[in-house]
Amino acid sequence: MRLLVLFVALSCLFSTNASPISSNLDVKKGSPLLRRQMSRYPFCPSQPATEALQQTIFADFIKLLYTQKNVTGAYNAHVDVNLIEHSPFGPQGRDANAAVLLNIIPYAQFTVLRSNFDANFGFIHLEIAGSPEPTALADIYRMNGTCIEEHWDVTQVEPSNATNPIAMF
């Protein structure tokens, strides 16, 4: 029952127009060496990587998952088979997690507000269209070398009686 409630809630919350507004991550930035390293798919199992390469890999993951809504491509290229999932209703492991997201992300309506990567951790902040109120989502990922190995998420529905006009977004 809890998984069904989560699925329905997430299905209602997402939107189809993901477009980065502000980010320090750009796959096209970086040296020719970084771009050459990016062509070595897949990134899992993990290989040693500089932080600059991790930033580029994370930016590619964001592009695949949130902009192109290519769950299978993003997860197969960038997520470890033994993904550690901290969502209370999310399954453990890459394939089980991707199977859930395949029923959500392609149909979701959301806007990417910002993303960043530092010290093996990347985050992305999204505004999810919802009824009756929008929801803020923060996804946090931990990388080990070239591979995403761990995920957390935090959601909050914007209160209808919020007194802060710029709350959450």
N, C-alpha and C. Protein backbone atom coordinates (compact mmCIF):
# COMPACT_ATOMS: atom_id res chain seq x y z
N MET A 1 0.82 -1.19 0.00
CA MET A 1 0.00 0.00 0.00
C MET A 1 0.87 1.26 0.00
N ARG A 2 1.94 1.26 0.85
CA ARG A 2 2.82 2.43 0.90
C ARG A 2 3.48 2.70 -0.44
N LEU A 3 3.92 1.63 -1.13
CA LEU A 3 4.56 1.80 -2.43
C LEU A 3 3.56 2.37 -3.43
N LEU A 4 2.32 1.93 -3.38
CA LEU A 4 1.30 2.45 -4.27
C LEU A 4 1.07 3.93 -4.00
N VAL A 5 0.99 4.32 -2.73
CA VAL A 5 0.81 5.73 -2.38
C VAL A 5 1.97 6.56 -2.89
N LEU A 6 3.21 6.06 -2.71
CA LEU A 6 4.39 6.78 -3.20
C LEU A 6 4.32 6.92 -4.71
N PHE A 7 4.00 5.83 -5.42
CA PHE A 7 3.95 5.88 -6.87
C PHE A 7 2.91 6.89 -7.34
N VAL A 8 1.72 6.87 -6.74
CA VAL A 8 0.67 7.81 -7.13
C VAL A 8 1.11 9.24 -6.85
N ALA A 9 1.71 9.46 -5.66
CA ALA A 9 2.15 10.80 -5.31
C ALA A 9 3.21 11.30 -6.27
N LEU A 10 4.20 10.47 -6.56
CA LEU A 10 5.27 10.88 -7.47
C LEU A 10 4.74 11.07 -8.88
N SER A 11 3.81 10.22 -9.30
CA SER A 11 3.24 10.36 -10.64
C SER A 11 2.52 11.69 -10.80
N CYS A 12 1.84 12.11 -9.77
CA CYS A 12 1.11 13.38 -9.82
C CYS A 12 2.05 14.57 -9.76
N LEU A 13 3.21 14.38 -9.17
CA LEU A 13 4.08 15.51 -8.89
C LEU A 13 4.99 15.90 -10.04
N PHE A 14 5.39 14.98 -10.86
CA PHE A 14 6.37 15.27 -11.89
C PHE A 14 5.75 15.93 -13.11
N SER A 15 6.56 16.63 -13.92
CA SER A 15 6.08 17.26 -15.15
C SER A 15 7.02 16.97 -16.31
N THR A 16 6.60 17.20 -17.53
CA THR A 16 7.37 16.76 -18.69
C THR A 16 8.38 17.74 -19.25
N ASN A 17 8.55 18.90 -18.70
CA ASN A 17 9.45 19.89 -19.29
C ASN A 17 10.66 20.15 -18.42
N ALA A 18 11.59 19.20 -18.37
CA ALA A 18 12.80 19.41 -17.58
C ALA A 18 13.74 20.29 -18.38
N SER A 19 14.16 21.40 -17.79
CA SER A 19 15.12 22.27 -18.45
C SER A 19 15.99 22.93 -17.40
N PRO A 20 17.29 22.72 -17.48
CA PRO A 20 18.14 23.29 -16.46
C PRO A 20 18.08 24.81 -16.48
N ILE A 21 17.92 25.40 -15.29
CA ILE A 21 17.90 26.85 -15.17
C ILE A 21 19.27 27.35 -14.76
N SER A 22 19.83 26.76 -13.73
CA SER A 22 21.16 27.18 -13.31
C SER A 22 21.94 25.96 -12.83
N SER A 23 23.17 25.86 -13.26
CA SER A 23 23.99 24.73 -12.89
C SER A 23 25.45 25.06 -13.13
N ASN A 24 26.31 24.49 -12.31
CA ASN A 24 27.73 24.65 -12.55
C ASN A 24 28.25 23.47 -13.38
N LEU A 25 27.34 22.64 -13.87
CA LEU A 25 27.73 21.42 -14.57
C LEU A 25 27.40 21.55 -16.05
N ASP A 26 28.36 21.28 -16.88
CA ASP A 26 28.14 21.34 -18.32
C ASP A 26 29.02 20.29 -18.96
N VAL A 27 28.39 19.31 -19.62
CA VAL A 27 29.14 18.22 -20.23
C VAL A 27 30.12 18.74 -21.27
N LYS A 28 29.81 19.84 -21.95
CA LYS A 28 30.67 20.36 -22.99
C LYS A 28 31.88 21.09 -22.43
N LYS A 29 31.82 21.49 -21.14
CA LYS A 29 32.97 22.15 -20.54
C LYS A 29 34.05 21.11 -20.29
N GLY A 30 35.26 21.58 -20.09
CA GLY A 30 36.33 20.66 -19.74
C GLY A 30 37.29 20.47 -20.89
N SER A 31 38.35 19.81 -20.56
CA SER A 31 39.42 19.60 -21.53
C SER A 31 39.05 18.51 -22.54
N PRO A 32 39.78 18.44 -23.65
CA PRO A 32 39.56 17.34 -24.59
C PRO A 32 39.76 15.98 -23.93
N LEU A 33 40.66 15.91 -22.94
CA LEU A 33 40.88 14.66 -22.22
C LEU A 33 39.60 14.23 -21.50
N LEU A 34 38.93 15.17 -20.83
CA LEU A 34 37.68 14.85 -20.15
C LEU A 34 36.63 14.37 -21.14
N ARG A 35 36.51 15.06 -22.26
CA ARG A 35 35.52 14.64 -23.26
C ARG A 35 35.86 13.26 -23.82
N ARG A 36 37.14 12.97 -23.99
CA ARG A 36 37.55 11.65 -24.47
C ARG A 36 37.21 10.59 -23.42
N GLN A 37 37.44 10.90 -22.13
CA GLN A 37 37.13 9.95 -21.07
C GLN A 37 35.63 9.69 -21.00
N MET A 38 34.83 10.71 -21.33
CA MET A 38 33.38 10.54 -21.29
C MET A 38 32.90 9.54 -22.31
N SER A 39 33.66 9.29 -23.33
CA SER A 39 33.24 8.36 -24.37
C SER A 39 33.44 6.90 -23.95
N ARG A 40 34.05 6.68 -22.79
CA ARG A 40 34.28 5.31 -22.33
C ARG A 40 33.12 4.82 -21.47
N TYR A 41 32.02 4.42 -22.10
CA TYR A 41 30.89 3.87 -21.38
C TYR A 41 31.12 2.40 -21.20
N PRO A 42 30.57 1.76 -20.21
CA PRO A 42 29.90 2.34 -19.06
C PRO A 42 30.91 2.76 -17.99
N PHE A 43 30.44 3.50 -17.01
CA PHE A 43 31.29 3.99 -15.94
C PHE A 43 31.26 3.08 -14.72
N CYS A 44 30.43 2.05 -14.77
CA CYS A 44 30.33 1.10 -13.67
C CYS A 44 30.66 -0.29 -14.22
N PRO A 45 31.43 -1.10 -13.48
CA PRO A 45 31.93 -0.84 -12.13
C PRO A 45 32.89 0.36 -12.11
N SER A 46 33.00 0.90 -10.92
CA SER A 46 33.74 2.14 -10.72
C SER A 46 35.21 2.02 -11.08
N GLN A 47 35.72 3.12 -11.63
CA GLN A 47 37.15 3.27 -11.91
C GLN A 47 37.60 4.57 -11.23
N PRO A 48 38.87 4.70 -10.88
CA PRO A 48 39.33 5.96 -10.28
C PRO A 48 39.03 7.13 -11.21
N ALA A 49 38.68 8.29 -10.60
CA ALA A 49 38.34 9.47 -11.38
C ALA A 49 38.69 10.73 -10.60
N THR A 50 39.12 11.75 -11.33
CA THR A 50 39.33 13.05 -10.72
C THR A 50 37.96 13.68 -10.45
N GLU A 51 37.93 14.72 -9.62
CA GLU A 51 36.66 15.40 -9.36
C GLU A 51 36.14 16.05 -10.64
N ALA A 52 37.03 16.56 -11.48
CA ALA A 52 36.60 17.17 -12.74
C ALA A 52 35.89 16.14 -13.62
N LEU A 53 36.42 14.93 -13.67
CA LEU A 53 35.76 13.88 -14.46
C LEU A 53 34.44 13.50 -13.82
N GLN A 54 34.40 13.41 -12.49
CA GLN A 54 33.15 13.10 -11.81
C GLN A 54 32.08 14.15 -12.11
N GLN A 55 32.47 15.43 -12.12
CA GLN A 55 31.51 16.50 -12.44
C GLN A 55 30.94 16.31 -13.84
N THR A 56 31.80 15.96 -14.77
CA THR A 56 31.36 15.75 -16.15
C THR A 56 30.44 14.54 -16.26
N ILE A 57 30.79 13.46 -15.57
CA ILE A 57 29.96 12.26 -15.57
C ILE A 57 28.60 12.56 -14.95
N PHE A 58 28.60 13.29 -13.83
CA PHE A 58 27.35 13.62 -13.16
C PHE A 58 26.46 14.50 -14.05
N ALA A 59 27.08 15.44 -14.74
CA ALA A 59 26.32 16.30 -15.67
C ALA A 59 25.68 15.46 -16.77
N ASP A 60 26.40 14.47 -17.26
CA ASP A 60 25.85 13.58 -18.29
C ASP A 60 24.69 12.77 -17.73
N PHE A 61 24.82 12.29 -16.50
CA PHE A 61 23.74 11.55 -15.83
C PHE A 61 22.50 12.42 -15.73
N ILE A 62 22.67 13.68 -15.29
CA ILE A 62 21.55 14.61 -15.17
C ILE A 62 20.88 14.82 -16.53
N LYS A 63 21.69 15.02 -17.55
CA LYS A 63 21.15 15.24 -18.90
C LYS A 63 20.33 14.04 -19.36
N LEU A 64 20.88 12.83 -19.18
CA LEU A 64 20.18 11.62 -19.61
C LEU A 64 18.89 11.41 -18.82
N LEU A 65 18.97 11.52 -17.48
CA LEU A 65 17.82 11.18 -16.64
C LEU A 65 16.76 12.26 -16.60
N TYR A 66 17.17 13.50 -16.37
CA TYR A 66 16.19 14.56 -16.11
C TYR A 66 15.80 15.35 -17.36
N THR A 67 16.69 15.50 -18.32
CA THR A 67 16.37 16.27 -19.52
C THR A 67 15.84 15.36 -20.63
N GLN A 68 16.58 14.29 -20.93
CA GLN A 68 16.14 13.37 -21.99
C GLN A 68 15.17 12.31 -21.49
N LYS A 69 15.05 12.18 -20.18
CA LYS A 69 14.17 11.19 -19.53
C LYS A 69 14.48 9.77 -19.99
N ASN A 70 15.77 9.51 -20.16
CA ASN A 70 16.26 8.20 -20.57
C ASN A 70 16.72 7.44 -19.33
N VAL A 71 15.78 6.87 -18.61
CA VAL A 71 16.07 6.19 -17.35
C VAL A 71 17.03 5.02 -17.57
N THR A 72 16.75 4.19 -18.54
CA THR A 72 17.57 3.00 -18.79
C THR A 72 18.99 3.40 -19.16
N GLY A 73 19.14 4.36 -20.06
CA GLY A 73 20.48 4.79 -20.47
C GLY A 73 21.25 5.41 -19.32
N ALA A 74 20.60 6.27 -18.54
CA ALA A 74 21.26 6.93 -17.41
C ALA A 74 21.70 5.91 -16.37
N TYR A 75 20.81 4.99 -16.03
CA TYR A 75 21.13 4.02 -14.99
C TYR A 75 22.14 2.99 -15.46
N ASN A 76 22.02 2.51 -16.68
CA ASN A 76 22.99 1.51 -17.17
C ASN A 76 24.38 2.09 -17.31
N ALA A 77 24.49 3.34 -17.68
CA ALA A 77 25.80 3.96 -17.88
C ALA A 77 26.43 4.45 -16.59
N HIS A 78 25.63 4.91 -15.63
CA HIS A 78 26.18 5.67 -14.51
C HIS A 78 25.91 5.13 -13.11
N VAL A 79 25.05 4.15 -12.96
CA VAL A 79 24.64 3.69 -11.62
C VAL A 79 25.12 2.27 -11.38
N ASP A 80 25.70 2.08 -10.20
CA ASP A 80 26.21 0.77 -9.80
C ASP A 80 25.07 -0.24 -9.66
N VAL A 81 25.33 -1.47 -10.02
CA VAL A 81 24.35 -2.55 -9.93
C VAL A 81 23.80 -2.66 -8.51
N ASN A 82 24.65 -2.43 -7.52
CA ASN A 82 24.26 -2.56 -6.11
C ASN A 82 23.92 -1.20 -5.50
N LEU A 83 23.21 -0.35 -6.24
CA LEU A 83 22.83 0.97 -5.76
C LEU A 83 22.24 0.88 -4.35
N ILE A 84 22.73 1.74 -3.46
CA ILE A 84 22.18 1.86 -2.11
C ILE A 84 21.13 2.97 -2.16
N GLU A 85 19.89 2.60 -1.93
CA GLU A 85 18.76 3.53 -2.02
C GLU A 85 18.25 3.83 -0.62
N HIS A 86 18.16 5.12 -0.28
CA HIS A 86 17.72 5.52 1.06
C HIS A 86 16.27 5.97 1.11
N SER A 87 15.58 6.02 -0.01
CA SER A 87 14.16 6.37 0.00
C SER A 87 13.40 5.29 0.77
N PRO A 88 12.49 5.67 1.66
CA PRO A 88 11.80 4.66 2.47
C PRO A 88 10.96 3.68 1.65
N PHE A 89 10.58 4.05 0.44
CA PHE A 89 9.77 3.17 -0.38
C PHE A 89 10.49 2.71 -1.65
N GLY A 90 11.74 3.11 -1.82
CA GLY A 90 12.49 2.74 -3.01
C GLY A 90 13.19 1.40 -2.84
N PRO A 91 13.24 0.62 -3.89
CA PRO A 91 13.93 -0.67 -3.81
C PRO A 91 15.44 -0.52 -3.89
N GLN A 92 16.16 -1.47 -3.36
CA GLN A 92 17.61 -1.49 -3.44
C GLN A 92 18.04 -2.02 -4.81
N GLY A 93 19.19 -1.57 -5.29
CA GLY A 93 19.74 -2.06 -6.54
C GLY A 93 19.36 -1.21 -7.73
N ARG A 94 20.27 -1.16 -8.70
CA ARG A 94 20.07 -0.35 -9.91
C ARG A 94 18.83 -0.76 -10.70
N ASP A 95 18.72 -2.03 -11.02
CA ASP A 95 17.66 -2.47 -11.92
C ASP A 95 16.27 -2.29 -11.32
N ALA A 96 16.12 -2.63 -10.04
CA ALA A 96 14.82 -2.47 -9.38
C ALA A 96 14.45 -0.99 -9.26
N ASN A 97 15.44 -0.16 -8.97
CA ASN A 97 15.20 1.28 -8.85
C ASN A 97 14.83 1.87 -10.20
N ALA A 98 15.54 1.49 -11.25
CA ALA A 98 15.24 1.98 -12.59
C ALA A 98 13.85 1.54 -13.04
N ALA A 99 13.44 0.32 -12.68
CA ALA A 99 12.12 -0.17 -13.05
C ALA A 99 11.02 0.72 -12.47
N VAL A 100 11.19 1.18 -11.23
CA VAL A 100 10.22 2.09 -10.62
C VAL A 100 10.22 3.43 -11.36
N LEU A 101 11.41 3.96 -11.63
CA LEU A 101 11.51 5.27 -12.28
C LEU A 101 10.99 5.26 -13.72
N LEU A 102 11.06 4.11 -14.39
CA LEU A 102 10.52 4.00 -15.75
C LEU A 102 9.02 4.27 -15.78
N ASN A 103 8.34 4.07 -14.66
CA ASN A 103 6.91 4.33 -14.58
C ASN A 103 6.60 5.75 -14.11
N ILE A 104 7.63 6.55 -13.85
CA ILE A 104 7.42 7.90 -13.32
C ILE A 104 8.03 8.96 -14.22
N ILE A 105 9.34 8.89 -14.42
CA ILE A 105 10.06 9.99 -15.07
C ILE A 105 9.59 10.29 -16.49
N PRO A 106 9.35 9.31 -17.35
CA PRO A 106 8.90 9.65 -18.71
C PRO A 106 7.59 10.44 -18.74
N TYR A 107 6.78 10.33 -17.71
CA TYR A 107 5.48 10.98 -17.68
C TYR A 107 5.45 12.19 -16.75
N ALA A 108 6.55 12.48 -16.14
CA ALA A 108 6.61 13.51 -15.10
C ALA A 108 6.71 14.91 -15.68
N GLN A 109 6.22 15.87 -14.93
CA GLN A 109 6.33 17.28 -15.29
C GLN A 109 7.15 17.97 -14.20
N PHE A 110 8.38 18.34 -14.53
CA PHE A 110 9.24 18.99 -13.55
C PHE A 110 10.17 19.97 -14.23
N THR A 111 10.72 20.86 -13.43
CA THR A 111 11.70 21.83 -13.90
C THR A 111 12.95 21.68 -13.05
N VAL A 112 14.08 21.52 -13.70
CA VAL A 112 15.36 21.47 -13.00
C VAL A 112 15.72 22.91 -12.63
N LEU A 113 15.86 23.16 -11.34
CA LEU A 113 16.18 24.51 -10.87
C LEU A 113 17.68 24.73 -10.73
N ARG A 114 18.37 23.75 -10.17
CA ARG A 114 19.83 23.87 -9.97
C ARG A 114 20.42 22.50 -9.70
N SER A 115 21.72 22.41 -9.95
CA SER A 115 22.46 21.19 -9.64
C SER A 115 23.90 21.58 -9.34
N ASN A 116 24.59 20.67 -8.66
CA ASN A 116 25.97 20.94 -8.30
C ASN A 116 26.65 19.61 -7.99
N PHE A 117 27.97 19.62 -8.02
CA PHE A 117 28.75 18.45 -7.66
C PHE A 117 29.99 18.91 -6.92
N ASP A 118 30.28 18.25 -5.79
CA ASP A 118 31.46 18.58 -5.00
C ASP A 118 31.78 17.41 -4.08
N ALA A 119 33.06 17.05 -4.01
CA ALA A 119 33.54 16.06 -3.04
C ALA A 119 32.75 14.75 -3.07
N ASN A 120 32.60 14.17 -4.23
CA ASN A 120 31.93 12.88 -4.44
C ASN A 120 30.41 12.93 -4.32
N PHE A 121 29.82 14.10 -4.08
CA PHE A 121 28.37 14.21 -3.94
C PHE A 121 27.81 15.17 -4.98
N GLY A 122 26.72 14.75 -5.62
CA GLY A 122 26.02 15.60 -6.56
C GLY A 122 24.59 15.77 -6.09
N PHE A 123 24.01 16.94 -6.38
CA PHE A 123 22.61 17.13 -6.05
C PHE A 123 21.91 17.81 -7.21
N ILE A 124 20.61 17.63 -7.22
CA ILE A 124 19.76 18.30 -8.19
C ILE A 124 18.48 18.73 -7.46
N HIS A 125 18.05 19.96 -7.71
CA HIS A 125 16.86 20.54 -7.07
C HIS A 125 15.82 20.72 -8.17
N LEU A 126 14.64 20.16 -7.96
CA LEU A 126 13.58 20.19 -8.96
C LEU A 126 12.32 20.81 -8.39
N GLU A 127 11.57 21.46 -9.27
CA GLU A 127 10.21 21.89 -8.95
C GLU A 127 9.28 20.96 -9.71
N ILE A 128 8.43 20.28 -8.98
CA ILE A 128 7.53 19.30 -9.58
C ILE A 128 6.13 19.89 -9.63
N ALA A 129 5.55 19.91 -10.82
CA ALA A 129 4.19 20.42 -10.97
C ALA A 129 3.27 19.47 -10.24
N GLY A 130 2.35 20.01 -9.49
CA GLY A 130 1.47 19.14 -8.73
C GLY A 130 0.11 19.75 -8.51
N SER A 131 -0.75 18.93 -8.02
CA SER A 131 -2.09 19.38 -7.71
C SER A 131 -2.38 18.96 -6.28
N PRO A 132 -2.74 19.86 -5.42
CA PRO A 132 -3.04 21.25 -5.73
C PRO A 132 -1.81 22.17 -5.67
N GLU A 133 -0.74 21.76 -5.02
CA GLU A 133 0.43 22.62 -4.84
C GLU A 133 1.68 21.99 -5.45
N PRO A 134 2.63 22.79 -5.90
CA PRO A 134 3.89 22.23 -6.39
C PRO A 134 4.71 21.62 -5.25
N THR A 135 5.68 20.80 -5.63
CA THR A 135 6.53 20.11 -4.67
C THR A 135 7.99 20.35 -5.03
N ALA A 136 8.80 20.51 -4.01
CA ALA A 136 10.25 20.60 -4.19
C ALA A 136 10.84 19.21 -3.99
N LEU A 137 11.77 18.85 -4.84
CA LEU A 137 12.48 17.57 -4.73
C LEU A 137 13.96 17.85 -4.80
N ALA A 138 14.71 17.29 -3.87
CA ALA A 138 16.17 17.32 -3.92
C ALA A 138 16.64 15.88 -3.99
N ASP A 139 17.34 15.55 -5.07
CA ASP A 139 17.98 14.25 -5.21
C ASP A 139 19.46 14.43 -4.90
N ILE A 140 20.00 13.56 -4.07
CA ILE A 140 21.40 13.61 -3.68
C ILE A 140 22.03 12.26 -4.06
N TYR A 141 23.16 12.34 -4.74
CA TYR A 141 23.86 11.13 -5.20
C TYR A 141 25.29 11.13 -4.68
N ARG A 142 25.79 9.94 -4.31
CA ARG A 142 27.19 9.79 -3.94
C ARG A 142 27.88 8.94 -4.99
N MET A 143 29.00 9.47 -5.48
CA MET A 143 29.78 8.74 -6.47
C MET A 143 31.02 8.14 -5.82
N ASN A 144 31.41 7.01 -6.34
CA ASN A 144 32.69 6.40 -6.01
C ASN A 144 33.43 6.30 -7.34
N GLY A 145 34.43 7.13 -7.53
CA GLY A 145 35.12 7.15 -8.82
C GLY A 145 34.17 7.56 -9.92
N THR A 146 34.00 6.69 -10.91
CA THR A 146 33.18 7.00 -12.08
C THR A 146 31.72 6.57 -11.97
N CYS A 147 31.32 6.05 -10.82
CA CYS A 147 30.03 5.38 -10.71
C CYS A 147 29.20 5.92 -9.55
N ILE A 148 27.91 6.13 -9.78
CA ILE A 148 26.98 6.52 -8.72
C ILE A 148 26.64 5.26 -7.92
N GLU A 149 26.85 5.36 -6.60
CA GLU A 149 26.64 4.18 -5.76
C GLU A 149 25.56 4.35 -4.69
N GLU A 150 25.10 5.60 -4.48
CA GLU A 150 24.15 5.82 -3.38
C GLU A 150 23.23 6.99 -3.72
N HIS A 151 21.97 6.92 -3.24
CA HIS A 151 20.98 7.94 -3.55
C HIS A 151 20.08 8.24 -2.34
N TRP A 152 19.81 9.52 -2.13
CA TRP A 152 18.84 10.01 -1.15
C TRP A 152 17.91 10.95 -1.89
N ASP A 153 16.68 11.09 -1.40
CA ASP A 153 15.81 12.15 -1.92
C ASP A 153 14.99 12.74 -0.79
N VAL A 154 14.65 14.01 -0.96
CA VAL A 154 13.85 14.73 0.01
C VAL A 154 12.79 15.49 -0.77
N THR A 155 11.54 15.35 -0.35
CA THR A 155 10.46 16.07 -1.01
C THR A 155 9.69 16.90 0.02
N GLN A 156 9.15 18.01 -0.46
CA GLN A 156 8.31 18.84 0.39
C GLN A 156 7.27 19.52 -0.48
N VAL A 157 6.02 19.37 -0.11
CA VAL A 157 4.93 20.05 -0.81
C VAL A 157 4.89 21.49 -0.33
N GLU A 158 4.74 22.42 -1.27
CA GLU A 158 4.65 23.82 -0.90
C GLU A 158 3.31 24.05 -0.20
N PRO A 159 3.35 24.55 1.03
CA PRO A 159 2.09 24.78 1.74
C PRO A 159 1.25 25.86 1.05
N SER A 160 -0.05 25.65 1.00
CA SER A 160 -0.92 26.64 0.36
C SER A 160 -0.98 27.94 1.15
N ASN A 161 -0.65 27.90 2.43
CA ASN A 161 -0.69 29.10 3.25
C ASN A 161 0.71 29.63 3.57
N ALA A 162 1.70 29.33 2.73
CA ALA A 162 3.07 29.80 2.95
C ALA A 162 3.10 31.33 2.98
N THR A 163 3.84 31.89 3.92
CA THR A 163 3.94 33.34 4.02
C THR A 163 5.18 33.88 3.32
N ASN A 164 6.12 33.02 2.96
CA ASN A 164 7.33 33.42 2.25
C ASN A 164 7.06 33.30 0.75
N PRO A 165 7.07 34.40 -0.01
CA PRO A 165 6.74 34.33 -1.44
C PRO A 165 7.79 33.60 -2.28
N ILE A 166 8.98 33.40 -1.76
CA ILE A 166 10.00 32.67 -2.52
C ILE A 166 10.36 31.34 -1.85
N ALA A 167 9.48 30.83 -1.05
CA ALA A 167 9.72 29.58 -0.34
C ALA A 167 9.98 28.43 -1.31
N MET A 168 11.02 27.67 -1.03
CA MET A 168 11.32 26.39 -1.68
C MET A 168 11.91 26.52 -3.08
N PHE A 169 11.60 27.55 -3.83
CA PHE A 169 12.07 27.61 -5.21
C PHE A 169 12.83 28.89 -5.45
